[in-house]
Amino acid sequence: MWARLKRIFGWLQERITWKIGRRILAGLTLFVFFYYLIGMVIVENINDDKDYAANSLVDTTIGSHAVAMSAAMIDREVNQHSWISNDPWFKPGALLDNMAHYQKGIISANAIFAIELKDQLSRTRGSSQVDKELQDVASGINYAPDRWYWDPSVSIFLFVAPAEKQYNSALRKLKSYNQRLAIGEAVFERRTDNLLSTLDKFSLDIGSASNEIAQKIDNGIGCVLDTKADDLFYNIKGRTYAYWLLLKGLRLDFEKVITDKDVGNSWNQLAQSLSSAIDLDPMIVSNCDTDGFLFQNHIAAQGFYLLRARTQLKEITNILLK
């Protein structure tokens, strides 16, 4: 056996010259380069379309507009686009860190909404029973976004459920809940205190995002060479985009509360601040000095709109308290 293998290797050595070897190596290099390049072009899709899921805002047969909007976002990022946050090194999406952080931001905001939906919006009172499907939704959407089929931190020898599988399971149950809600077999309490609680949770996360930006500005290095600034920028962009869409749905769900409390103008101003943050789309995200002469600090600009949005959220919740 070993003698046969030795003869085969000897035969290959005689026929594959160094010149041919270099050509093979160059060909493989070009193949890998174009595989990743073309794959990245095909896969990349940072979708910040603010008119997305507009049909759900005029469909009167659905249970909750905000729930329908959440389901639409999850379905788009996981199924219509490629979920790349857990792509291993041999897939082109592994190099698209901006899109990965954007997707994580969208899921993160929807995870916060799912918890609020389970704990507050779907319960007649705090002591009422938790909706079983929404309990599974909250658990599924809070699953680690970068977990693939094999995760050595969980098990070296066994496969684990990837993020997409958990998110799709949560998505099915979220849609099922909304269908039950539409025919009166589930609860979605459109009370002022529920809207107030939901907006408070959004405000806390926006405040946390602002703090992350402040820490990054204080500790960042390299101006346009700060390789972590774009990760933070796109994660927060994803969270902001998700909140903007969820708030569109909540405005219809709580239309009576918003009208009775006369917070429509404040809501419009909040939407405009979030919209301005979403519209930031630099070619290269910089973390330069905030008073820099040549370069803008993009995460500082993002932070400005977030702080303004949080202030406007506080104004709305203060009015709702009265």
C-alpha atoms as a PDB file:
ATOM      1  CA  MET A   1       0.000   0.000   0.000  1.00  0.00           C
ATOM      2  CA  TRP A   2       2.695   2.487   1.016  1.00  0.00           C
ATOM      3  CA  ALA A   3       4.822   1.496  -1.949  1.00  0.00           C
ATOM      4  CA  ARG A   4       1.903   2.183  -4.292  1.00  0.00           C
ATOM      5  CA  LEU A   5       1.273   5.614  -2.757  1.00  0.00           C
ATOM      6  CA  LYS A   6       4.985   6.393  -3.040  1.00  0.00           C
ATOM      7  CA  ARG A   7       4.936   5.526  -6.747  1.00  0.00           C
ATOM      8  CA  ILE A   8       1.868   7.755  -7.275  1.00  0.00           C
ATOM      9  CA  PHE A   9       3.527  10.733  -5.550  1.00  0.00           C
ATOM     10  CA  GLY A  10       6.689  10.124  -7.511  1.00  0.00           C
ATOM     11  CA  TRP A  11       4.709  10.108 -10.757  1.00  0.00           C
ATOM     12  CA  LEU A  12       2.998  13.413  -9.803  1.00  0.00           C
ATOM     13  CA  GLN A  13       6.326  15.008  -8.917  1.00  0.00           C
ATOM     14  CA  GLU A  14       7.723  14.091 -12.303  1.00  0.00           C
ATOM     15  CA  ARG A  15       4.836  15.615 -14.211  1.00  0.00           C
ATOM     16  CA  ILE A  16       3.888  18.680 -12.148  1.00  0.00           C
ATOM     17  CA  THR A  17       6.627  21.210 -12.597  1.00  0.00           C
ATOM     18  CA  TRP A  18       7.087  24.292 -10.449  1.00  0.00           C
ATOM     19  CA  LYS A  19       5.670  26.390 -13.315  1.00  0.00           C
ATOM     20  CA  ILE A  20       2.504  24.317 -13.488  1.00  0.00           C
ATOM     21  CA  GLY A  21       2.250  24.404  -9.694  1.00  0.00           C
ATOM     22  CA  ARG A  22       2.360  28.196  -9.701  1.00  0.00           C
ATOM     23  CA  ARG A  23      -0.399  28.285 -12.298  1.00  0.00           C
ATOM     24  CA  ILE A  24      -2.561  25.996 -10.214  1.00  0.00           C
ATOM     25  CA  LEU A  25      -1.915  28.131  -7.132  1.00  0.00           C
ATOM     26  CA  ALA A  26      -2.728  31.324  -9.049  1.00  0.00           C
ATOM     27  CA  GLY A  27      -5.913  29.750 -10.386  1.00  0.00           C
ATOM     28  CA  LEU A  28      -7.011  28.699  -6.908  1.00  0.00           C
ATOM     29  CA  THR A  29      -6.250  32.172  -5.563  1.00  0.00           C
ATOM     30  CA  LEU A  30      -8.345  33.810  -8.284  1.00  0.00           C
ATOM     31  CA  PHE A  31     -11.169  31.339  -7.685  1.00  0.00           C
ATOM     32  CA  VAL A  32     -11.242  32.065  -3.956  1.00  0.00           C
ATOM     33  CA  PHE A  33     -11.049  35.820  -4.584  1.00  0.00           C
ATOM     34  CA  PHE A  34     -13.987  35.874  -6.996  1.00  0.00           C
ATOM     35  CA  TYR A  35     -15.934  33.361  -4.917  1.00  0.00           C
ATOM     36  CA  TYR A  36     -15.889  35.727  -1.959  1.00  0.00           C
ATOM     37  CA  LEU A  37     -16.220  38.911  -4.037  1.00  0.00           C
ATOM     38  CA  ILE A  38     -19.206  37.765  -6.110  1.00  0.00           C
ATOM     39  CA  GLY A  39     -20.768  36.035  -3.128  1.00  0.00           C
ATOM     40  CA  MET A  40     -20.551  39.188  -1.023  1.00  0.00           C
ATOM     41  CA  VAL A  41     -22.152  41.260  -3.794  1.00  0.00           C
ATOM     42  CA  ILE A  42     -25.007  38.761  -4.097  1.00  0.00           C
ATOM     43  CA  VAL A  43     -25.600  38.351  -0.372  1.00  0.00           C
ATOM     44  CA  GLU A  44     -25.184  41.900   0.966  1.00  0.00           C
ATOM     45  CA  ASN A  45     -28.475  43.690   1.589  1.00  0.00           C
ATOM     46  CA  ILE A  46     -28.714  46.316   4.317  1.00  0.00           C
ATOM     47  CA  ASN A  47     -32.373  47.092   3.786  1.00  0.00           C
ATOM     48  CA  ASP A  48     -33.533  50.285   5.500  1.00  0.00           C
ATOM     49  CA  ASP A  49     -36.672  50.791   3.407  1.00  0.00           C
ATOM     50  CA  LYS A  50     -38.966  52.820   5.655  1.00  0.00           C
ATOM     51  CA  ASP A  51     -42.008  51.897   3.558  1.00  0.00           C
ATOM     52  CA  TYR A  52     -41.381  48.219   4.160  1.00  0.00           C
ATOM     53  CA  ALA A  53     -44.428  46.171   5.177  1.00  0.00           C
ATOM     54  CA  ALA A  54     -46.721  49.077   4.336  1.00  0.00           C
ATOM     55  CA  ASN A  55     -49.500  46.610   3.486  1.00  0.00           C
ATOM     56  CA  SER A  56     -49.688  45.521   7.111  1.00  0.00           C
ATOM     57  CA  LEU A  57     -50.576  49.095   8.063  1.00  0.00           C
ATOM     58  CA  VAL A  58     -53.749  49.108   5.978  1.00  0.00           C
ATOM     59  CA  ASP A  59     -54.804  45.486   6.490  1.00  0.00           C
ATOM     60  CA  THR A  60     -57.763  45.558   8.873  1.00  0.00           C
ATOM     61  CA  THR A  61     -57.950  41.757   9.147  1.00  0.00           C
ATOM     62  CA  ILE A  62     -54.763  41.364  11.208  1.00  0.00           C
ATOM     63  CA  GLY A  63     -54.763  41.356  14.984  1.00  0.00           C
ATOM     64  CA  SER A  64     -52.003  43.851  15.787  1.00  0.00           C
ATOM     65  CA  HIS A  65     -50.145  46.068  13.320  1.00  0.00           C
ATOM     66  CA  ALA A  66     -47.039  46.143  15.509  1.00  0.00           C
ATOM     67  CA  VAL A  67     -46.991  42.337  15.757  1.00  0.00           C
ATOM     68  CA  ALA A  68     -47.455  42.037  11.983  1.00  0.00           C
ATOM     69  CA  MET A  69     -44.593  44.493  11.480  1.00  0.00           C
ATOM     70  CA  SER A  70     -42.326  42.517  13.808  1.00  0.00           C
ATOM     71  CA  ALA A  71     -43.129  39.272  12.007  1.00  0.00           C
ATOM     72  CA  ALA A  72     -42.459  40.899   8.625  1.00  0.00           C
ATOM     73  CA  MET A  73     -39.035  42.135   9.747  1.00  0.00           C
ATOM     74  CA  ILE A  74     -37.974  38.774  11.153  1.00  0.00           C
ATOM     75  CA  ASP A  75     -39.172  36.948   8.043  1.00  0.00           C
ATOM     76  CA  ARG A  76     -37.327  39.344   5.743  1.00  0.00           C
ATOM     77  CA  GLU A  77     -33.968  39.148   7.515  1.00  0.00           C
ATOM     78  CA  VAL A  78     -34.027  35.405   8.162  1.00  0.00           C
ATOM     79  CA  ASN A  79     -35.740  34.027   5.054  1.00  0.00           C
ATOM     80  CA  GLN A  80     -35.965  36.602   2.271  1.00  0.00           C
ATOM     81  CA  HIS A  81     -32.403  37.765   2.875  1.00  0.00           C
ATOM     82  CA  SER A  82     -29.541  35.551   3.984  1.00  0.00           C
ATOM     83  CA  TRP A  83     -29.052  35.403   7.747  1.00  0.00           C
ATOM     84  CA  ILE A  84     -25.283  35.908   7.776  1.00  0.00           C
ATOM     85  CA  SER A  85     -24.562  36.650  11.438  1.00  0.00           C
ATOM     86  CA  ASN A  86     -23.641  33.002  12.013  1.00  0.00           C
ATOM     87  CA  ASP A  87     -21.968  32.305   8.665  1.00  0.00           C
ATOM     88  CA  PRO A  88     -18.762  30.240   9.059  1.00  0.00           C
ATOM     89  CA  TRP A  89     -15.511  31.348   7.436  1.00  0.00           C
ATOM     90  CA  PHE A  90     -16.076  29.432   4.198  1.00  0.00           C
ATOM     91  CA  LYS A  91     -19.228  31.414   3.289  1.00  0.00           C
ATOM     92  CA  PRO A  92     -18.941  34.898   1.703  1.00  0.00           C
ATOM     93  CA  GLY A  93     -21.341  36.382   4.257  1.00  0.00           C
ATOM     94  CA  ALA A  94     -18.733  35.854   6.975  1.00  0.00           C
ATOM     95  CA  LEU A  95     -16.908  38.929   5.630  1.00  0.00           C
ATOM     96  CA  LEU A  96     -19.991  41.200   5.635  1.00  0.00           C
ATOM     97  CA  ASP A  97     -19.695  42.411   9.213  1.00  0.00           C
ATOM     98  CA  ASN A  98     -21.752  45.579   8.642  1.00  0.00           C
ATOM     99  CA  MET A  99     -24.763  43.616   7.423  1.00  0.00           C
ATOM    100  CA  ALA A 100     -24.313  41.082  10.218  1.00  0.00           C
ATOM    101  CA  HIS A 101     -24.396  43.792  12.887  1.00  0.00           C
ATOM    102  CA  TYR A 102     -27.367  45.457  11.185  1.00  0.00           C
ATOM    103  CA  GLN A 103     -29.309  42.187  11.291  1.00  0.00           C
ATOM    104  CA  LYS A 104     -28.361  41.653  14.931  1.00  0.00           C
ATOM    105  CA  GLY A 105     -29.676  45.142  15.717  1.00  0.00           C
ATOM    106  CA  ILE A 106     -33.018  44.412  14.074  1.00  0.00           C
ATOM    107  CA  ILE A 107     -33.419  41.134  15.958  1.00  0.00           C
ATOM    108  CA  SER A 108     -32.319  42.789  19.218  1.00  0.00           C
ATOM    109  CA  ALA A 109     -35.072  45.425  19.022  1.00  0.00           C
ATOM    110  CA  ASN A 110     -37.673  42.814  18.103  1.00  0.00           C
ATOM    111  CA  ALA A 111     -36.537  40.676  21.029  1.00  0.00           C
ATOM    112  CA  ILE A 112     -37.259  43.570  23.404  1.00  0.00           C
ATOM    113  CA  PHE A 113     -40.685  44.010  21.819  1.00  0.00           C
ATOM    114  CA  ALA A 114     -41.351  40.256  22.127  1.00  0.00           C
ATOM    115  CA  ILE A 115     -40.661  40.341  25.867  1.00  0.00           C
ATOM    116  CA  GLU A 116     -42.930  43.346  26.326  1.00  0.00           C
ATOM    117  CA  LEU A 117     -45.602  41.615  24.239  1.00  0.00           C
ATOM    118  CA  LYS A 118     -45.389  38.538  26.453  1.00  0.00           C
ATOM    119  CA  ASP A 119     -45.245  40.335  29.793  1.00  0.00           C
ATOM    120  CA  GLN A 120     -47.584  43.297  29.244  1.00  0.00           C
ATOM    121  CA  LEU A 121     -49.472  43.680  25.981  1.00  0.00           C
ATOM    122  CA  SER A 122     -50.938  40.158  25.836  1.00  0.00           C
ATOM    123  CA  ARG A 123     -52.111  40.051  29.455  1.00  0.00           C
ATOM    124  CA  THR A 124     -55.363  41.471  30.758  1.00  0.00           C
ATOM    125  CA  ARG A 125     -53.641  42.271  34.042  1.00  0.00           C
ATOM    126  CA  GLY A 126     -50.228  41.510  35.472  1.00  0.00           C
ATOM    127  CA  SER A 127     -51.572  38.465  37.281  1.00  0.00           C
ATOM    128  CA  SER A 128     -53.221  36.893  34.217  1.00  0.00           C
ATOM    129  CA  GLN A 129     -51.761  33.862  32.501  1.00  0.00           C
ATOM    130  CA  VAL A 130     -48.870  34.287  30.058  1.00  0.00           C
ATOM    131  CA  ASP A 131     -49.634  33.345  26.451  1.00  0.00           C
ATOM    132  CA  LYS A 132     -47.716  30.104  25.816  1.00  0.00           C
ATOM    133  CA  GLU A 133     -46.929  30.911  22.196  1.00  0.00           C
ATOM    134  CA  LEU A 134     -45.582  34.336  23.084  1.00  0.00           C
ATOM    135  CA  GLN A 135     -43.424  32.767  25.784  1.00  0.00           C
ATOM    136  CA  ASP A 136     -41.839  30.627  23.069  1.00  0.00           C
ATOM    137  CA  VAL A 137     -41.555  33.661  20.785  1.00  0.00           C
ATOM    138  CA  ALA A 138     -39.623  35.660  23.393  1.00  0.00           C
ATOM    139  CA  SER A 139     -37.330  32.717  24.086  1.00  0.00           C
ATOM    140  CA  GLY A 140     -36.709  32.014  20.400  1.00  0.00           C
ATOM    141  CA  ILE A 141     -35.946  35.575  19.313  1.00  0.00           C
ATOM    142  CA  ASN A 142     -33.528  36.013  22.222  1.00  0.00           C
ATOM    143  CA  TYR A 143     -31.452  33.094  20.893  1.00  0.00           C
ATOM    144  CA  ALA A 144     -27.771  33.801  20.164  1.00  0.00           C
ATOM    145  CA  PRO A 145     -27.639  35.343  16.652  1.00  0.00           C
ATOM    146  CA  ASP A 146     -24.192  33.978  15.780  1.00  0.00           C
ATOM    147  CA  ARG A 147     -24.863  30.334  16.684  1.00  0.00           C
ATOM    148  CA  TRP A 148     -24.369  27.912  13.783  1.00  0.00           C
ATOM    149  CA  TYR A 149     -24.889  24.139  13.544  1.00  0.00           C
ATOM    150  CA  TRP A 150     -21.615  23.491  15.345  1.00  0.00           C
ATOM    151  CA  ASP A 151     -20.709  25.523  18.376  1.00  0.00           C
ATOM    152  CA  PRO A 152     -17.769  24.257  20.468  1.00  0.00           C
ATOM    153  CA  SER A 153     -18.853  26.472  23.379  1.00  0.00           C
ATOM    154  CA  VAL A 154     -21.994  24.325  23.618  1.00  0.00           C
ATOM    155  CA  SER A 155     -20.776  20.920  22.440  1.00  0.00           C
ATOM    156  CA  ILE A 156     -17.688  19.705  20.605  1.00  0.00           C
ATOM    157  CA  PHE A 157     -19.310  16.522  19.304  1.00  0.00           C
ATOM    158  CA  LEU A 158     -23.012  17.352  18.861  1.00  0.00           C
ATOM    159  CA  PHE A 159     -24.819  19.664  16.483  1.00  0.00           C
ATOM    160  CA  VAL A 160     -26.910  22.513  17.893  1.00  0.00           C
ATOM    161  CA  ALA A 161     -29.873  24.449  16.545  1.00  0.00           C
ATOM    162  CA  PRO A 162     -28.721  27.387  14.384  1.00  0.00           C
ATOM    163  CA  ALA A 163     -30.113  30.873  14.914  1.00  0.00           C
ATOM    164  CA  GLU A 164     -32.284  30.721  11.781  1.00  0.00           C
ATOM    165  CA  LYS A 165     -34.124  27.646  13.040  1.00  0.00           C
ATOM    166  CA  GLN A 166     -34.943  29.280  16.374  1.00  0.00           C
ATOM    167  CA  TYR A 167     -36.036  32.534  14.726  1.00  0.00           C
ATOM    168  CA  ASN A 168     -38.288  30.717  12.262  1.00  0.00           C
ATOM    169  CA  SER A 169     -39.880  28.764  15.073  1.00  0.00           C
ATOM    170  CA  ALA A 170     -40.540  32.028  16.914  1.00  0.00           C
ATOM    171  CA  LEU A 171     -41.852  33.591  13.700  1.00  0.00           C
ATOM    172  CA  ARG A 172     -44.428  30.831  13.177  1.00  0.00           C
ATOM    173  CA  LYS A 173     -45.743  31.256  16.705  1.00  0.00           C
ATOM    174  CA  LEU A 174     -45.795  35.042  16.413  1.00  0.00           C
ATOM    175  CA  LYS A 175     -47.921  34.773  13.276  1.00  0.00           C
ATOM    176  CA  SER A 176     -50.142  32.189  14.969  1.00  0.00           C
ATOM    177  CA  TYR A 177     -50.684  34.541  17.907  1.00  0.00           C
ATOM    178  CA  ASN A 178     -51.672  37.376  15.575  1.00  0.00           C
ATOM    179  CA  GLN A 179     -54.102  35.107  13.744  1.00  0.00           C
ATOM    180  CA  ARG A 180     -55.684  34.077  17.039  1.00  0.00           C
ATOM    181  CA  LEU A 181     -55.834  37.732  18.029  1.00  0.00           C
ATOM    182  CA  ALA A 182     -57.653  38.615  14.792  1.00  0.00           C
ATOM    183  CA  ILE A 183     -60.461  36.140  15.579  1.00  0.00           C
ATOM    184  CA  GLY A 184     -60.699  37.055  19.249  1.00  0.00           C
ATOM    185  CA  GLU A 185     -58.888  34.033  20.697  1.00  0.00           C
ATOM    186  CA  ALA A 186     -55.921  35.970  22.093  1.00  0.00           C
ATOM    187  CA  VAL A 187     -55.368  39.182  24.054  1.00  0.00           C
ATOM    188  CA  PHE A 188     -53.709  42.468  23.051  1.00  0.00           C
ATOM    189  CA  GLU A 189     -54.571  45.111  25.626  1.00  0.00           C
ATOM    190  CA  ARG A 190     -54.631  48.585  24.079  1.00  0.00           C
ATOM    191  CA  ARG A 191     -54.441  50.380  27.424  1.00  0.00           C
ATOM    192  CA  THR A 192     -52.498  53.570  28.099  1.00  0.00           C
ATOM    193  CA  ASP A 193     -50.291  51.889  30.700  1.00  0.00           C
ATOM    194  CA  ASN A 194     -49.322  49.178  28.218  1.00  0.00           C
ATOM    195  CA  LEU A 195     -48.281  51.722  25.609  1.00  0.00           C
ATOM    196  CA  LEU A 196     -46.383  53.616  28.293  1.00  0.00           C
ATOM    197  CA  SER A 197     -44.540  50.475  29.395  1.00  0.00           C
ATOM    198  CA  THR A 198     -43.612  49.556  25.811  1.00  0.00           C
ATOM    199  CA  LEU A 199     -42.284  53.024  25.027  1.00  0.00           C
ATOM    200  CA  ASP A 200     -40.272  52.983  28.255  1.00  0.00           C
ATOM    201  CA  LYS A 201     -38.559  49.758  27.171  1.00  0.00           C
ATOM    202  CA  PHE A 202     -37.729  51.282  23.787  1.00  0.00           C
ATOM    203  CA  SER A 203     -36.429  54.401  25.502  1.00  0.00           C
ATOM    204  CA  LEU A 204     -34.159  52.372  27.795  1.00  0.00           C
ATOM    205  CA  ASP A 205     -32.595  50.563  24.844  1.00  0.00           C
ATOM    206  CA  ILE A 206     -32.132  53.797  22.895  1.00  0.00           C
ATOM    207  CA  GLY A 207     -30.490  55.277  25.983  1.00  0.00           C
ATOM    208  CA  SER A 208     -28.206  52.240  26.181  1.00  0.00           C
ATOM    209  CA  ALA A 209     -27.274  52.726  22.516  1.00  0.00           C
ATOM    210  CA  SER A 210     -26.435  56.387  23.192  1.00  0.00           C
ATOM    211  CA  ASN A 211     -24.183  55.320  26.050  1.00  0.00           C
ATOM    212  CA  GLU A 212     -22.410  52.799  23.812  1.00  0.00           C
ATOM    213  CA  ILE A 213     -21.734  55.592  21.330  1.00  0.00           C
ATOM    214  CA  ALA A 214     -20.381  57.885  24.058  1.00  0.00           C
ATOM    215  CA  GLN A 215     -17.999  55.184  25.286  1.00  0.00           C
ATOM    216  CA  LYS A 216     -16.847  54.465  21.745  1.00  0.00           C
ATOM    217  CA  ILE A 217     -16.143  58.144  21.085  1.00  0.00           C
ATOM    218  CA  ASP A 218     -14.164  58.410  24.333  1.00  0.00           C
ATOM    219  CA  ASN A 219     -12.169  55.232  23.744  1.00  0.00           C
ATOM    220  CA  GLY A 220     -11.993  55.033  19.966  1.00  0.00           C
ATOM    221  CA  ILE A 221      -8.713  55.169  18.082  1.00  0.00           C
ATOM    222  CA  GLY A 222      -7.709  55.809  14.501  1.00  0.00           C
ATOM    223  CA  CYS A 223     -10.491  58.064  13.206  1.00  0.00           C
ATOM    224  CA  VAL A 224     -11.479  56.346   9.924  1.00  0.00           C
ATOM    225  CA  LEU A 225      -9.271  53.400  10.924  1.00  0.00           C
ATOM    226  CA  ASP A 226     -11.385  52.569  13.983  1.00  0.00           C
ATOM    227  CA  THR A 227     -12.524  49.169  12.746  1.00  0.00           C
ATOM    228  CA  LYS A 228     -15.118  48.720  15.493  1.00  0.00           C
ATOM    229  CA  ALA A 229     -16.930  52.017  14.896  1.00  0.00           C
ATOM    230  CA  ASP A 230     -18.803  50.661  11.865  1.00  0.00           C
ATOM    231  CA  ASP A 231     -19.892  47.555  13.818  1.00  0.00           C
ATOM    232  CA  LEU A 232     -21.504  49.751  16.454  1.00  0.00           C
ATOM    233  CA  PHE A 233     -22.945  52.147  13.873  1.00  0.00           C
ATOM    234  CA  TYR A 234     -24.741  49.411  11.927  1.00  0.00           C
ATOM    235  CA  ASN A 235     -25.961  47.570  15.008  1.00  0.00           C
ATOM    236  CA  ILE A 236     -27.576  50.764  16.271  1.00  0.00           C
ATOM    237  CA  LYS A 237     -28.871  51.575  12.799  1.00  0.00           C
ATOM    238  CA  GLY A 238     -30.619  48.182  12.774  1.00  0.00           C
ATOM    239  CA  ARG A 239     -32.130  48.744  16.206  1.00  0.00           C
ATOM    240  CA  THR A 240     -33.287  52.233  15.256  1.00  0.00           C
ATOM    241  CA  TYR A 241     -34.841  50.995  12.018  1.00  0.00           C
ATOM    242  CA  ALA A 242     -36.717  48.250  13.859  1.00  0.00           C
ATOM    243  CA  TYR A 243     -38.070  50.693  16.441  1.00  0.00           C
ATOM    244  CA  TRP A 244     -39.157  53.074  13.695  1.00  0.00           C
ATOM    245  CA  LEU A 245     -41.235  50.329  12.041  1.00  0.00           C
ATOM    246  CA  LEU A 246     -42.602  49.012  15.347  1.00  0.00           C
ATOM    247  CA  LEU A 247     -43.690  52.516  16.316  1.00  0.00           C
ATOM    248  CA  LYS A 248     -45.585  52.817  13.028  1.00  0.00           C
ATOM    249  CA  GLY A 249     -47.506  49.696  13.991  1.00  0.00           C
ATOM    250  CA  LEU A 250     -48.043  50.787  17.588  1.00  0.00           C
ATOM    251  CA  ARG A 251     -49.443  54.118  16.408  1.00  0.00           C
ATOM    252  CA  LEU A 252     -52.276  52.281  14.667  1.00  0.00           C
ATOM    253  CA  ASP A 253     -52.758  49.774  17.471  1.00  0.00           C
ATOM    254  CA  PHE A 254     -53.046  52.568  20.054  1.00  0.00           C
ATOM    255  CA  GLU A 255     -54.694  55.151  17.810  1.00  0.00           C
ATOM    256  CA  LYS A 256     -57.428  55.923  20.348  1.00  0.00           C
ATOM    257  CA  VAL A 257     -54.948  56.417  23.202  1.00  0.00           C
ATOM    258  CA  ILE A 258     -52.723  58.643  21.076  1.00  0.00           C
ATOM    259  CA  THR A 259     -55.700  60.745  19.971  1.00  0.00           C
ATOM    260  CA  ASP A 260     -57.225  61.010  23.453  1.00  0.00           C
ATOM    261  CA  LYS A 261     -53.883  61.998  24.998  1.00  0.00           C
ATOM    262  CA  ASP A 262     -53.093  64.385  22.113  1.00  0.00           C
ATOM    263  CA  VAL A 263     -49.566  63.108  21.521  1.00  0.00           C
ATOM    264  CA  GLY A 264     -49.807  62.951  17.725  1.00  0.00           C
ATOM    265  CA  ASN A 265     -47.457  65.895  17.118  1.00  0.00           C
ATOM    266  CA  SER A 266     -44.894  64.572  19.593  1.00  0.00           C
ATOM    267  CA  TRP A 267     -45.110  61.178  17.898  1.00  0.00           C
ATOM    268  CA  ASN A 268     -44.413  62.802  14.522  1.00  0.00           C
ATOM    269  CA  GLN A 269     -41.324  64.521  15.931  1.00  0.00           C
ATOM    270  CA  LEU A 270     -40.112  61.219  17.397  1.00  0.00           C
ATOM    271  CA  ALA A 271     -40.576  59.509  14.047  1.00  0.00           C
ATOM    272  CA  GLN A 272     -38.604  62.281  12.314  1.00  0.00           C
ATOM    273  CA  SER A 273     -35.653  61.929  14.699  1.00  0.00           C
ATOM    274  CA  LEU A 274     -35.497  58.171  14.197  1.00  0.00           C
ATOM    275  CA  SER A 275     -35.872  58.641  10.454  1.00  0.00           C
ATOM    276  CA  SER A 276     -32.900  61.028  10.390  1.00  0.00           C
ATOM    277  CA  ALA A 277     -30.774  58.474  12.245  1.00  0.00           C
ATOM    278  CA  ILE A 278     -31.777  55.750   9.780  1.00  0.00           C
ATOM    279  CA  ASP A 279     -30.921  57.967   6.790  1.00  0.00           C
ATOM    280  CA  LEU A 280     -27.264  58.251   7.850  1.00  0.00           C
ATOM    281  CA  ASP A 281     -25.434  56.143   5.276  1.00  0.00           C
ATOM    282  CA  PRO A 282     -21.703  56.966   5.095  1.00  0.00           C
ATOM    283  CA  MET A 283     -19.378  55.173   2.714  1.00  0.00           C
ATOM    284  CA  ILE A 284     -16.860  54.798   5.554  1.00  0.00           C
ATOM    285  CA  VAL A 285     -17.943  55.129   9.188  1.00  0.00           C
ATOM    286  CA  SER A 286     -15.555  57.423  11.010  1.00  0.00           C
ATOM    287  CA  ASN A 287     -14.939  57.956  14.703  1.00  0.00           C
ATOM    288  CA  CYS A 288     -12.845  61.087  14.403  1.00  0.00           C
ATOM    289  CA  ASP A 289     -12.698  63.996  16.834  1.00  0.00           C
ATOM    290  CA  THR A 290     -16.134  65.537  17.241  1.00  0.00           C
ATOM    291  CA  ASP A 291     -14.652  68.937  16.327  1.00  0.00           C
ATOM    292  CA  GLY A 292     -12.550  67.511  13.498  1.00  0.00           C
ATOM    293  CA  PHE A 293     -11.695  69.788  10.599  1.00  0.00           C
ATOM    294  CA  LEU A 294     -11.812  67.283   7.718  1.00  0.00           C
ATOM    295  CA  PHE A 295     -13.855  64.269   8.825  1.00  0.00           C
ATOM    296  CA  GLN A 296     -17.308  63.959  10.372  1.00  0.00           C
ATOM    297  CA  ASN A 297     -17.821  61.704  13.372  1.00  0.00           C
ATOM    298  CA  HIS A 298     -20.675  59.536  12.091  1.00  0.00           C
ATOM    299  CA  ILE A 299     -21.443  57.760  15.345  1.00  0.00           C
ATOM    300  CA  ALA A 300     -21.640  61.145  17.100  1.00  0.00           C
ATOM    301  CA  ALA A 301     -24.184  62.285  14.500  1.00  0.00           C
ATOM    302  CA  GLN A 302     -26.105  59.077  15.071  1.00  0.00           C
ATOM    303  CA  GLY A 303     -25.966  59.632  18.817  1.00  0.00           C
ATOM    304  CA  PHE A 304     -27.390  63.144  18.460  1.00  0.00           C
ATOM    305  CA  TYR A 305     -30.542  61.849  16.758  1.00  0.00           C
ATOM    306  CA  LEU A 306     -30.880  59.046  19.309  1.00  0.00           C
ATOM    307  CA  LEU A 307     -30.693  61.477  22.237  1.00  0.00           C
ATOM    308  CA  ARG A 308     -33.292  63.675  20.569  1.00  0.00           C
ATOM    309  CA  ALA A 309     -35.522  60.643  19.992  1.00  0.00           C
ATOM    310  CA  ARG A 310     -35.147  59.558  23.616  1.00  0.00           C
ATOM    311  CA  THR A 311     -36.081  63.051  24.825  1.00  0.00           C
ATOM    312  CA  GLN A 312     -39.183  62.950  22.631  1.00  0.00           C
ATOM    313  CA  LEU A 313     -40.067  59.496  23.929  1.00  0.00           C
ATOM    314  CA  LYS A 314     -39.842  60.870  27.465  1.00  0.00           C
ATOM    315  CA  GLU A 315     -42.146  63.732  26.511  1.00  0.00           C
ATOM    316  CA  ILE A 316     -44.713  61.258  25.191  1.00  0.00           C
ATOM    317  CA  THR A 317     -44.528  59.012  28.242  1.00  0.00           C
ATOM    318  CA  ASN A 318     -44.835  62.015  30.570  1.00  0.00           C
ATOM    319  CA  ILE A 319     -48.045  63.006  28.802  1.00  0.00           C
ATOM    320  CA  LEU A 320     -49.338  59.427  28.978  1.00  0.00           C
ATOM    321  CA  LEU A 321     -48.754  59.451  32.738  1.00  0.00           C
ATOM    322  CA  LYS A 322     -51.187  62.344  33.252  1.00  0.00           C
END
